[in-house]
Amino acid sequence: MKEYIGLIFDEERALYNIHNAKIEKCVFDGPADGESALKECGQLEVNNCRFMLRYPLWHVSDAVINNCDMSDTCRAALWYDKNVKINNSKLGGIKALRECDNSYIDDCEINSSEFGWICRDTEILNSSLVSEYPFFECKNLKIDNFKMTGKYSFQYVENVTINNSYLDTKDAFWHGKNITVTDSVVKGEYLAWYSEDIKFVRCKIIGTQPLCYAKGLVLEDCEMIDCDLAFERSEVNAKINGGIISVKDPIRGRIEADSIGEIIIDEYMDKTECEIVTK
């Protein structure tokens, strides 16, 4: 294994196409302002490095990244990568992860707009994210112990499981398919419109007009706080602990809650086939 220790790289494609290498305590920054430092590389171990320049890790396969810092100037850091593990690191800069396969992220702090687009087989543990438009069109995504602040999250995703997490985000899960969220808080407006086969188990759902135009929607032992005009035009089976401010025009299924402040069935609505039960 070739080693690069304690060096500074600022030239274009500084370590292009290296394989079977250890990179430790290096800094990617400097007046040459070069891009794509580790493009087309493989079998890498990257430890305690700082990345300040653009596009450092494109088309990389089989890499482990530990205790690294990617600054806000490190744009589009990881694209088209396969089998990359990132541990105890900071990921900054717009579009930090895109079109990657089999990514593993643990104990990371992420601040990246448009994070994680069009990725497949991604696992994220014990991490936090600030992002405006994360996880667009991702497939096979597993998340546990995750804290997120964002907007427009998880749109057009498929095959997603989320556990023990706090999601503060509006317009989440729009057009998503085959999603399970367990033991989590989901806070934001207009949750999961046009989704298919989305399930919430022991979750706290907070915000206006949630879960509309959904198919195959299931809620088990959930709370709904500040939720009005819920379930419009949805096919839903829901068991709610506590009350719902209002329910509007559900299509079919069953909604059970301790109380519902108002049930709205518009005059132009076809006859609903949804059973609505209060305790």
C-alpha atoms as a PDB file:
ATOM      1  CA  MET A   1       0.000   0.000   0.000  1.00  0.00           C
ATOM      2  CA  LYS A   2       1.438   3.352  -1.039  1.00  0.00           C
ATOM      3  CA  GLU A   3       1.243   6.069   1.627  1.00  0.00           C
ATOM      4  CA  TYR A   4       0.736   9.827   1.360  1.00  0.00           C
ATOM      5  CA  ILE A   5       1.141  11.398   4.804  1.00  0.00           C
ATOM      6  CA  GLY A   6       1.145  15.047   5.871  1.00  0.00           C
ATOM      7  CA  LEU A   7       1.169  16.488   2.335  1.00  0.00           C
ATOM      8  CA  ILE A   8      -0.589  19.429   0.674  1.00  0.00           C
ATOM      9  CA  PHE A   9      -2.146  19.016  -2.773  1.00  0.00           C
ATOM     10  CA  ASP A  10      -3.608  21.855  -4.832  1.00  0.00           C
ATOM     11  CA  GLU A  11      -2.932  20.865  -8.442  1.00  0.00           C
ATOM     12  CA  GLU A  12      -5.495  19.501 -10.923  1.00  0.00           C
ATOM     13  CA  ARG A  13      -6.089  15.730 -10.517  1.00  0.00           C
ATOM     14  CA  ALA A  14      -3.343  15.610  -7.919  1.00  0.00           C
ATOM     15  CA  LEU A  15      -3.622  11.877  -7.188  1.00  0.00           C
ATOM     16  CA  TYR A  16      -5.498  10.754 -10.271  1.00  0.00           C
ATOM     17  CA  ASN A  17      -6.110   7.010 -10.692  1.00  0.00           C
ATOM     18  CA  ILE A  18      -4.126   5.852  -7.661  1.00  0.00           C
ATOM     19  CA  HIS A  19      -5.071   2.470  -6.195  1.00  0.00           C
ATOM     20  CA  ASN A  20      -4.276   0.616  -2.988  1.00  0.00           C
ATOM     21  CA  ALA A  21      -3.197   3.757  -1.145  1.00  0.00           C
ATOM     22  CA  LYS A  22      -3.348   5.293   2.312  1.00  0.00           C
ATOM     23  CA  ILE A  23      -3.827   9.062   2.514  1.00  0.00           C
ATOM     24  CA  GLU A  24      -3.403  10.534   5.978  1.00  0.00           C
ATOM     25  CA  LYS A  25      -3.249  14.048   7.462  1.00  0.00           C
ATOM     26  CA  CYS A  26      -3.222  15.615   4.003  1.00  0.00           C
ATOM     27  CA  VAL A  27      -4.746  18.935   2.933  1.00  0.00           C
ATOM     28  CA  PHE A  28      -6.329  19.481  -0.461  1.00  0.00           C
ATOM     29  CA  ASP A  29      -6.096  23.257  -0.871  1.00  0.00           C
ATOM     30  CA  GLY A  30      -3.833  25.937  -2.294  1.00  0.00           C
ATOM     31  CA  PRO A  31      -3.252  28.597  -4.935  1.00  0.00           C
ATOM     32  CA  ALA A  32      -3.396  26.242  -7.929  1.00  0.00           C
ATOM     33  CA  ASP A  33      -7.071  25.641  -7.027  1.00  0.00           C
ATOM     34  CA  GLY A  34      -7.072  22.285  -8.806  1.00  0.00           C
ATOM     35  CA  GLU A  35     -10.130  20.061  -9.072  1.00  0.00           C
ATOM     36  CA  SER A  36     -10.745  16.295  -9.010  1.00  0.00           C
ATOM     37  CA  ALA A  37      -7.853  15.336  -6.728  1.00  0.00           C
ATOM     38  CA  LEU A  38      -8.799  11.648  -6.281  1.00  0.00           C
ATOM     39  CA  LYS A  39     -10.713  10.900  -9.451  1.00  0.00           C
ATOM     40  CA  GLU A  40     -10.905   7.332 -10.819  1.00  0.00           C
ATOM     41  CA  CYS A  41      -9.221   5.864  -7.709  1.00  0.00           C
ATOM     42  CA  GLY A  42      -9.792   2.637  -5.785  1.00  0.00           C
ATOM     43  CA  GLN A  43      -8.900   0.697  -2.640  1.00  0.00           C
ATOM     44  CA  LEU A  44      -8.283   3.848  -0.603  1.00  0.00           C
ATOM     45  CA  GLU A  45      -7.946   4.530   3.113  1.00  0.00           C
ATOM     46  CA  VAL A  46      -8.340   8.245   3.795  1.00  0.00           C
ATOM     47  CA  ASN A  47      -7.749   9.435   7.368  1.00  0.00           C
ATOM     48  CA  ASN A  48      -7.745  12.861   9.047  1.00  0.00           C
ATOM     49  CA  CYS A  49      -7.668  14.862   5.827  1.00  0.00           C
ATOM     50  CA  ARG A  50      -9.095  18.279   4.906  1.00  0.00           C
ATOM     51  CA  PHE A  51     -10.767  18.818   1.548  1.00  0.00           C
ATOM     52  CA  MET A  52     -11.229  22.440   0.461  1.00  0.00           C
ATOM     53  CA  LEU A  53     -11.309  22.066  -3.335  1.00  0.00           C
ATOM     54  CA  ARG A  54     -14.013  20.871  -5.726  1.00  0.00           C
ATOM     55  CA  TYR A  55     -14.953  17.378  -6.924  1.00  0.00           C
ATOM     56  CA  PRO A  56     -12.319  15.433  -4.956  1.00  0.00           C
ATOM     57  CA  LEU A  57     -13.783  11.909  -5.001  1.00  0.00           C
ATOM     58  CA  TRP A  58     -15.426  11.051  -8.326  1.00  0.00           C
ATOM     59  CA  HIS A  59     -15.622   7.519  -9.752  1.00  0.00           C
ATOM     60  CA  VAL A  60     -13.986   6.088  -6.625  1.00  0.00           C
ATOM     61  CA  SER A  61     -14.520   2.460  -5.623  1.00  0.00           C
ATOM     62  CA  ASP A  62     -13.829   0.624  -2.372  1.00  0.00           C
ATOM     63  CA  ALA A  63     -12.757   3.430  -0.056  1.00  0.00           C
ATOM     64  CA  VAL A  64     -12.903   4.097   3.691  1.00  0.00           C
ATOM     65  CA  ILE A  65     -12.929   7.734   4.811  1.00  0.00           C
ATOM     66  CA  ASN A  66     -12.327   8.425   8.507  1.00  0.00           C
ATOM     67  CA  ASN A  67     -12.250  11.674  10.523  1.00  0.00           C
ATOM     68  CA  CYS A  68     -12.156  13.937   7.477  1.00  0.00           C
ATOM     69  CA  ASP A  69     -13.422  17.480   6.957  1.00  0.00           C
ATOM     70  CA  MET A  70     -14.956  18.559   3.665  1.00  0.00           C
ATOM     71  CA  SER A  71     -15.505  22.321   3.821  1.00  0.00           C
ATOM     72  CA  ASP A  72     -18.297  24.370   2.271  1.00  0.00           C
ATOM     73  CA  THR A  73     -15.990  25.099  -0.685  1.00  0.00           C
ATOM     74  CA  CYS A  74     -15.641  21.361  -1.365  1.00  0.00           C
ATOM     75  CA  ARG A  75     -18.479  21.198  -3.879  1.00  0.00           C
ATOM     76  CA  ALA A  76     -19.879  17.946  -5.223  1.00  0.00           C
ATOM     77  CA  ALA A  77     -17.433  15.867  -3.210  1.00  0.00           C
ATOM     78  CA  LEU A  78     -18.553  12.286  -3.892  1.00  0.00           C
ATOM     79  CA  TRP A  79     -20.126  11.440  -7.257  1.00  0.00           C
ATOM     80  CA  TYR A  80     -20.471   8.118  -9.113  1.00  0.00           C
ATOM     81  CA  ASP A  81     -18.719   6.201  -6.310  1.00  0.00           C
ATOM     82  CA  LYS A  82     -19.159   2.558  -5.264  1.00  0.00           C
ATOM     83  CA  ASN A  83     -18.585   0.870  -1.917  1.00  0.00           C
ATOM     84  CA  VAL A  84     -17.506   3.903   0.083  1.00  0.00           C
ATOM     85  CA  LYS A  85     -17.659   4.073   3.897  1.00  0.00           C
ATOM     86  CA  ILE A  86     -17.535   7.456   5.635  1.00  0.00           C
ATOM     87  CA  ASN A  87     -17.058   7.593   9.410  1.00  0.00           C
ATOM     88  CA  ASN A  88     -16.891  10.447  11.927  1.00  0.00           C
ATOM     89  CA  SER A  89     -16.549  13.132   9.258  1.00  0.00           C
ATOM     90  CA  LYS A  90     -17.963  16.503   8.254  1.00  0.00           C
ATOM     91  CA  LEU A  91     -19.492  16.775   4.803  1.00  0.00           C
ATOM     92  CA  GLY A  92     -20.031  20.334   3.625  1.00  0.00           C
ATOM     93  CA  GLY A  93     -20.514  21.903   0.231  1.00  0.00           C
ATOM     94  CA  ILE A  94     -23.452  21.624  -2.142  1.00  0.00           C
ATOM     95  CA  LYS A  95     -24.319  18.232  -3.673  1.00  0.00           C
ATOM     96  CA  ALA A  96     -21.930  16.274  -1.467  1.00  0.00           C
ATOM     97  CA  LEU A  97     -23.200  12.824  -2.499  1.00  0.00           C
ATOM     98  CA  ARG A  98     -24.769  11.947  -5.854  1.00  0.00           C
ATOM     99  CA  GLU A  99     -25.370   8.865  -8.010  1.00  0.00           C
ATOM    100  CA  CYS A 100     -23.398   6.613  -5.678  1.00  0.00           C
ATOM    101  CA  ASP A 101     -23.906   2.896  -4.978  1.00  0.00           C
ATOM    102  CA  ASN A 102     -23.528   1.104  -1.665  1.00  0.00           C
ATOM    103  CA  SER A 103     -22.587   4.059   0.533  1.00  0.00           C
ATOM    104  CA  TYR A 104     -22.263   3.748   4.327  1.00  0.00           C
ATOM    105  CA  ILE A 105     -22.252   6.877   6.511  1.00  0.00           C
ATOM    106  CA  ASP A 106     -21.841   6.733  10.296  1.00  0.00           C
ATOM    107  CA  ASP A 107     -21.412   9.450  12.922  1.00  0.00           C
ATOM    108  CA  CYS A 108     -21.203  12.269  10.390  1.00  0.00           C
ATOM    109  CA  GLU A 109     -22.242  15.919  10.402  1.00  0.00           C
ATOM    110  CA  ILE A 110     -23.591  16.923   7.002  1.00  0.00           C
ATOM    111  CA  ASN A 111     -24.483  20.400   5.762  1.00  0.00           C
ATOM    112  CA  SER A 112     -25.140  20.117   2.054  1.00  0.00           C
ATOM    113  CA  SER A 113     -27.904  21.383  -0.168  1.00  0.00           C
ATOM    114  CA  GLU A 114     -29.166  18.790  -2.659  1.00  0.00           C
ATOM    115  CA  PHE A 115     -27.537  15.992  -0.686  1.00  0.00           C
ATOM    116  CA  GLY A 116     -27.758  12.352  -1.731  1.00  0.00           C
ATOM    117  CA  TRP A 117     -29.528  12.582  -5.089  1.00  0.00           C
ATOM    118  CA  ILE A 118     -30.140   9.455  -7.188  1.00  0.00           C
ATOM    119  CA  CYS A 119     -28.167   7.161  -4.881  1.00  0.00           C
ATOM    120  CA  ARG A 120     -28.741   3.437  -4.457  1.00  0.00           C
ATOM    121  CA  ASP A 121     -28.212   1.222  -1.408  1.00  0.00           C
ATOM    122  CA  THR A 122     -27.303   3.934   1.087  1.00  0.00           C
ATOM    123  CA  GLU A 123     -27.136   3.423   4.864  1.00  0.00           C
ATOM    124  CA  ILE A 124     -26.888   6.368   7.279  1.00  0.00           C
ATOM    125  CA  LEU A 125     -26.446   5.930  11.043  1.00  0.00           C
ATOM    126  CA  ASN A 126     -25.996   8.268  14.016  1.00  0.00           C
ATOM    127  CA  SER A 127     -25.701  11.369  11.844  1.00  0.00           C
ATOM    128  CA  SER A 128     -27.201  14.814  11.261  1.00  0.00           C
ATOM    129  CA  LEU A 129     -28.097  16.675   8.086  1.00  0.00           C
ATOM    130  CA  VAL A 130     -28.976  20.251   7.145  1.00  0.00           C
ATOM    131  CA  SER A 131     -30.140  20.382   3.537  1.00  0.00           C
ATOM    132  CA  GLU A 132     -32.710  22.071   1.341  1.00  0.00           C
ATOM    133  CA  TYR A 133     -33.495  19.287  -1.106  1.00  0.00           C
ATOM    134  CA  PRO A 134     -32.030  15.953   0.050  1.00  0.00           C
ATOM    135  CA  PHE A 135     -32.432  12.343  -1.120  1.00  0.00           C
ATOM    136  CA  PHE A 136     -34.139  13.043  -4.445  1.00  0.00           C
ATOM    137  CA  GLU A 137     -34.878   9.780  -6.329  1.00  0.00           C
ATOM    138  CA  CYS A 138     -32.933   7.538  -3.943  1.00  0.00           C
ATOM    139  CA  LYS A 139     -33.577   3.790  -3.831  1.00  0.00           C
ATOM    140  CA  ASN A 140     -32.904   1.292  -1.047  1.00  0.00           C
ATOM    141  CA  LEU A 141     -32.175   3.798   1.709  1.00  0.00           C
ATOM    142  CA  LYS A 142     -31.759   2.802   5.384  1.00  0.00           C
ATOM    143  CA  ILE A 143     -31.579   5.446   8.116  1.00  0.00           C
ATOM    144  CA  ASP A 144     -31.281   5.078  11.896  1.00  0.00           C
ATOM    145  CA  ASN A 145     -30.735   7.649  14.666  1.00  0.00           C
ATOM    146  CA  PHE A 146     -30.758  10.572  12.258  1.00  0.00           C
ATOM    147  CA  LYS A 147     -31.548  14.248  12.795  1.00  0.00           C
ATOM    148  CA  MET A 148     -32.472  16.294   9.753  1.00  0.00           C
ATOM    149  CA  THR A 149     -33.466  19.881   9.056  1.00  0.00           C
ATOM    150  CA  GLY A 150     -34.518  20.543   5.488  1.00  0.00           C
ATOM    151  CA  LYS A 151     -37.131  21.116   2.822  1.00  0.00           C
ATOM    152  CA  TYR A 152     -38.484  19.002  -0.031  1.00  0.00           C
ATOM    153  CA  SER A 153     -36.950  15.826   1.383  1.00  0.00           C
ATOM    154  CA  PHE A 154     -37.176  12.262   0.094  1.00  0.00           C
ATOM    155  CA  GLN A 155     -39.071  13.112  -3.097  1.00  0.00           C
ATOM    156  CA  TYR A 156     -39.560  10.193  -5.510  1.00  0.00           C
ATOM    157  CA  VAL A 157     -37.676   7.796  -3.208  1.00  0.00           C
ATOM    158  CA  GLU A 158     -38.304   4.024  -3.223  1.00  0.00           C
ATOM    159  CA  ASN A 159     -37.684   1.302  -0.639  1.00  0.00           C
ATOM    160  CA  VAL A 160     -36.831   3.367   2.432  1.00  0.00           C
ATOM    161  CA  THR A 161     -36.701   2.494   6.151  1.00  0.00           C
ATOM    162  CA  ILE A 162     -36.203   5.178   8.813  1.00  0.00           C
ATOM    163  CA  ASN A 163     -35.946   4.434  12.541  1.00  0.00           C
ATOM    164  CA  ASN A 164     -35.433   6.496  15.713  1.00  0.00           C
ATOM    165  CA  SER A 165     -35.076   9.778  13.862  1.00  0.00           C
ATOM    166  CA  TYR A 166     -36.169  13.410  13.949  1.00  0.00           C
ATOM    167  CA  LEU A 167     -37.151  14.868  10.584  1.00  0.00           C
ATOM    168  CA  ASP A 168     -37.949  18.584  10.444  1.00  0.00           C
ATOM    169  CA  THR A 169     -38.874  19.059   6.817  1.00  0.00           C
ATOM    170  CA  LYS A 170     -41.728  20.202   4.606  1.00  0.00           C
ATOM    171  CA  ASP A 171     -43.051  18.393   1.543  1.00  0.00           C
ATOM    172  CA  ALA A 172     -41.335  15.167   2.604  1.00  0.00           C
ATOM    173  CA  PHE A 173     -41.842  11.851   0.794  1.00  0.00           C
ATOM    174  CA  TRP A 174     -43.814  13.290  -2.142  1.00  0.00           C
ATOM    175  CA  HIS A 175     -44.387  10.534  -4.724  1.00  0.00           C
ATOM    176  CA  GLY A 176     -42.368   8.133  -2.532  1.00  0.00           C
ATOM    177  CA  LYS A 177     -43.011   4.387  -2.692  1.00  0.00           C
ATOM    178  CA  ASN A 178     -42.568   1.561  -0.196  1.00  0.00           C
ATOM    179  CA  ILE A 179     -41.480   3.563   2.859  1.00  0.00           C
ATOM    180  CA  THR A 180     -41.565   2.630   6.562  1.00  0.00           C
ATOM    181  CA  VAL A 181     -40.897   5.182   9.313  1.00  0.00           C
ATOM    182  CA  THR A 182     -40.735   3.850  12.882  1.00  0.00           C
ATOM    183  CA  ASP A 183     -40.369   5.493  16.322  1.00  0.00           C
ATOM    184  CA  SER A 184     -39.663   8.901  14.807  1.00  0.00           C
ATOM    185  CA  VAL A 185     -40.840  12.520  14.796  1.00  0.00           C
ATOM    186  CA  VAL A 186     -41.845  13.930  11.425  1.00  0.00           C
ATOM    187  CA  LYS A 187     -42.440  17.666  11.541  1.00  0.00           C
ATOM    188  CA  GLY A 188     -43.444  19.800   8.563  1.00  0.00           C
ATOM    189  CA  GLU A 189     -46.172  20.824   6.170  1.00  0.00           C
ATOM    190  CA  TYR A 190     -47.808  18.736   3.436  1.00  0.00           C
ATOM    191  CA  LEU A 191     -46.347  15.375   4.405  1.00  0.00           C
ATOM    192  CA  ALA A 192     -46.195  12.525   1.886  1.00  0.00           C
ATOM    193  CA  TRP A 193     -48.628  13.731  -0.769  1.00  0.00           C
ATOM    194  CA  TYR A 194     -49.050  11.343  -3.722  1.00  0.00           C
ATOM    195  CA  SER A 195     -47.120   8.603  -1.921  1.00  0.00           C
ATOM    196  CA  GLU A 196     -47.730   4.863  -2.276  1.00  0.00           C
ATOM    197  CA  ASP A 197     -47.386   2.217   0.430  1.00  0.00           C
ATOM    198  CA  ILE A 198     -45.981   4.443   3.146  1.00  0.00           C
ATOM    199  CA  LYS A 199     -46.259   3.281   6.764  1.00  0.00           C
ATOM    200  CA  PHE A 200     -45.712   5.175  10.020  1.00  0.00           C
ATOM    201  CA  VAL A 201     -45.350   3.147  13.232  1.00  0.00           C
ATOM    202  CA  ARG A 202     -45.285   4.820  16.683  1.00  0.00           C
ATOM    203  CA  CYS A 203     -44.479   8.174  15.100  1.00  0.00           C
ATOM    204  CA  LYS A 204     -45.332  11.725  16.055  1.00  0.00           C
ATOM    205  CA  ILE A 205     -46.561  13.643  13.012  1.00  0.00           C
ATOM    206  CA  ILE A 206     -46.663  17.436  13.286  1.00  0.00           C
ATOM    207  CA  GLY A 207     -47.954  19.969  10.766  1.00  0.00           C
ATOM    208  CA  THR A 208     -50.755  21.080   8.487  1.00  0.00           C
ATOM    209  CA  GLN A 209     -52.407  19.104   5.672  1.00  0.00           C
ATOM    210  CA  PRO A 210     -50.537  15.820   5.987  1.00  0.00           C
ATOM    211  CA  LEU A 211     -50.907  12.607   4.021  1.00  0.00           C
ATOM    212  CA  CYS A 212     -53.111  13.632   1.101  1.00  0.00           C
ATOM    213  CA  TYR A 213     -53.638  11.864  -2.237  1.00  0.00           C
ATOM    214  CA  ALA A 214     -51.862   8.803  -0.818  1.00  0.00           C
ATOM    215  CA  LYS A 215     -52.410   5.134  -1.684  1.00  0.00           C
ATOM    216  CA  GLY A 216     -51.785   2.260   0.699  1.00  0.00           C
ATOM    217  CA  LEU A 217     -51.208   4.628   3.638  1.00  0.00           C
ATOM    218  CA  VAL A 218     -50.895   3.039   7.114  1.00  0.00           C
ATOM    219  CA  LEU A 219     -50.460   4.671  10.534  1.00  0.00           C
ATOM    220  CA  GLU A 220     -50.066   2.453  13.610  1.00  0.00           C
ATOM    221  CA  ASP A 221     -50.179   3.940  17.122  1.00  0.00           C
ATOM    222  CA  CYS A 222     -49.185   7.401  15.945  1.00  0.00           C
ATOM    223  CA  GLU A 223     -49.839  10.899  17.270  1.00  0.00           C
ATOM    224  CA  MET A 224     -50.978  13.755  15.030  1.00  0.00           C
ATOM    225  CA  ILE A 225     -50.238  17.255  16.369  1.00  0.00           C
ATOM    226  CA  ASP A 226     -51.430  20.462  14.680  1.00  0.00           C
ATOM    227  CA  CYS A 227     -52.729  18.303  11.841  1.00  0.00           C
ATOM    228  CA  ASP A 228     -55.683  19.766   9.987  1.00  0.00           C
ATOM    229  CA  LEU A 229     -57.234  18.833   6.643  1.00  0.00           C
ATOM    230  CA  ALA A 230     -55.590  15.435   6.895  1.00  0.00           C
ATOM    231  CA  PHE A 231     -55.972  12.499   4.496  1.00  0.00           C
ATOM    232  CA  GLU A 232     -57.608  14.385   1.613  1.00  0.00           C
ATOM    233  CA  ARG A 233     -58.312  11.947  -1.239  1.00  0.00           C
ATOM    234  CA  SER A 234     -56.257   9.216   0.452  1.00  0.00           C
ATOM    235  CA  GLU A 235     -56.682   5.484   0.891  1.00  0.00           C
ATOM    236  CA  VAL A 236     -55.796   5.126   4.561  1.00  0.00           C
ATOM    237  CA  ASN A 237     -55.833   2.822   7.550  1.00  0.00           C
ATOM    238  CA  ALA A 238     -54.877   4.829  10.639  1.00  0.00           C
ATOM    239  CA  LYS A 239     -54.921   4.255  14.379  1.00  0.00           C
ATOM    240  CA  ILE A 240     -54.207   7.557  16.130  1.00  0.00           C
ATOM    241  CA  ASN A 241     -53.501   8.078  19.808  1.00  0.00           C
ATOM    242  CA  GLY A 242     -54.984  11.461  20.666  1.00  0.00           C
ATOM    243  CA  GLY A 243     -56.879  13.834  18.454  1.00  0.00           C
ATOM    244  CA  ILE A 244     -56.849  15.167  14.908  1.00  0.00           C
ATOM    245  CA  ILE A 245     -57.886  18.768  14.240  1.00  0.00           C
ATOM    246  CA  SER A 246     -59.730  17.880  11.034  1.00  0.00           C
ATOM    247  CA  VAL A 247     -60.067  15.164   8.420  1.00  0.00           C
ATOM    248  CA  LYS A 248     -61.024  16.045   4.854  1.00  0.00           C
ATOM    249  CA  ASP A 249     -62.433  13.858   2.075  1.00  0.00           C
ATOM    250  CA  PRO A 250     -60.685  10.513   2.636  1.00  0.00           C
ATOM    251  CA  ILE A 251     -61.550   8.035  -0.126  1.00  0.00           C
ATOM    252  CA  ARG A 252     -61.526   4.660   1.614  1.00  0.00           C
ATOM    253  CA  GLY A 253     -60.170   2.688   4.574  1.00  0.00           C
ATOM    254  CA  ARG A 254     -60.509   3.368   8.292  1.00  0.00           C
ATOM    255  CA  ILE A 255     -59.457   6.244  10.553  1.00  0.00           C
ATOM    256  CA  GLU A 256     -59.597   5.717  14.310  1.00  0.00           C
ATOM    257  CA  ALA A 257     -58.687   8.458  16.793  1.00  0.00           C
ATOM    258  CA  ASP A 258     -59.538   9.552  20.325  1.00  0.00           C
ATOM    259  CA  SER A 259     -61.160  12.643  18.840  1.00  0.00           C
ATOM    260  CA  ILE A 260     -61.547  14.480  15.542  1.00  0.00           C
ATOM    261  CA  GLY A 261     -62.407  18.170  15.710  1.00  0.00           C
ATOM    262  CA  GLU A 262     -64.067  18.307  12.292  1.00  0.00           C
ATOM    263  CA  ILE A 263     -64.879  15.834   9.535  1.00  0.00           C
ATOM    264  CA  ILE A 264     -65.171  17.605   6.184  1.00  0.00           C
ATOM    265  CA  ILE A 265     -66.855  15.884   3.260  1.00  0.00           C
ATOM    266  CA  ASP A 266     -67.241  18.310   0.362  1.00  0.00           C
ATOM    267  CA  GLU A 267     -70.475  18.267  -1.617  1.00  0.00           C
ATOM    268  CA  TYR A 268     -68.655  17.487  -4.842  1.00  0.00           C
ATOM    269  CA  MET A 269     -66.860  14.524  -3.214  1.00  0.00           C
ATOM    270  CA  ASP A 270     -67.982  11.094  -4.357  1.00  0.00           C
ATOM    271  CA  LYS A 271     -69.370   9.012  -1.542  1.00  0.00           C
ATOM    272  CA  THR A 272     -66.519   8.133   0.813  1.00  0.00           C
ATOM    273  CA  GLU A 273     -65.845   4.494   1.632  1.00  0.00           C
ATOM    274  CA  CYS A 274     -63.725   5.421   4.655  1.00  0.00           C
ATOM    275  CA  GLU A 275     -64.921   4.457   8.134  1.00  0.00           C
ATOM    276  CA  ILE A 276     -64.180   7.193  10.660  1.00  0.00           C
ATOM    277  CA  VAL A 277     -64.297   6.178  14.330  1.00  0.00           C
ATOM    278  CA  THR A 278     -63.701   8.215  17.493  1.00  0.00           C
ATOM    279  CA  LYS A 279     -63.226   6.620  20.898  1.00  0.00           C
END
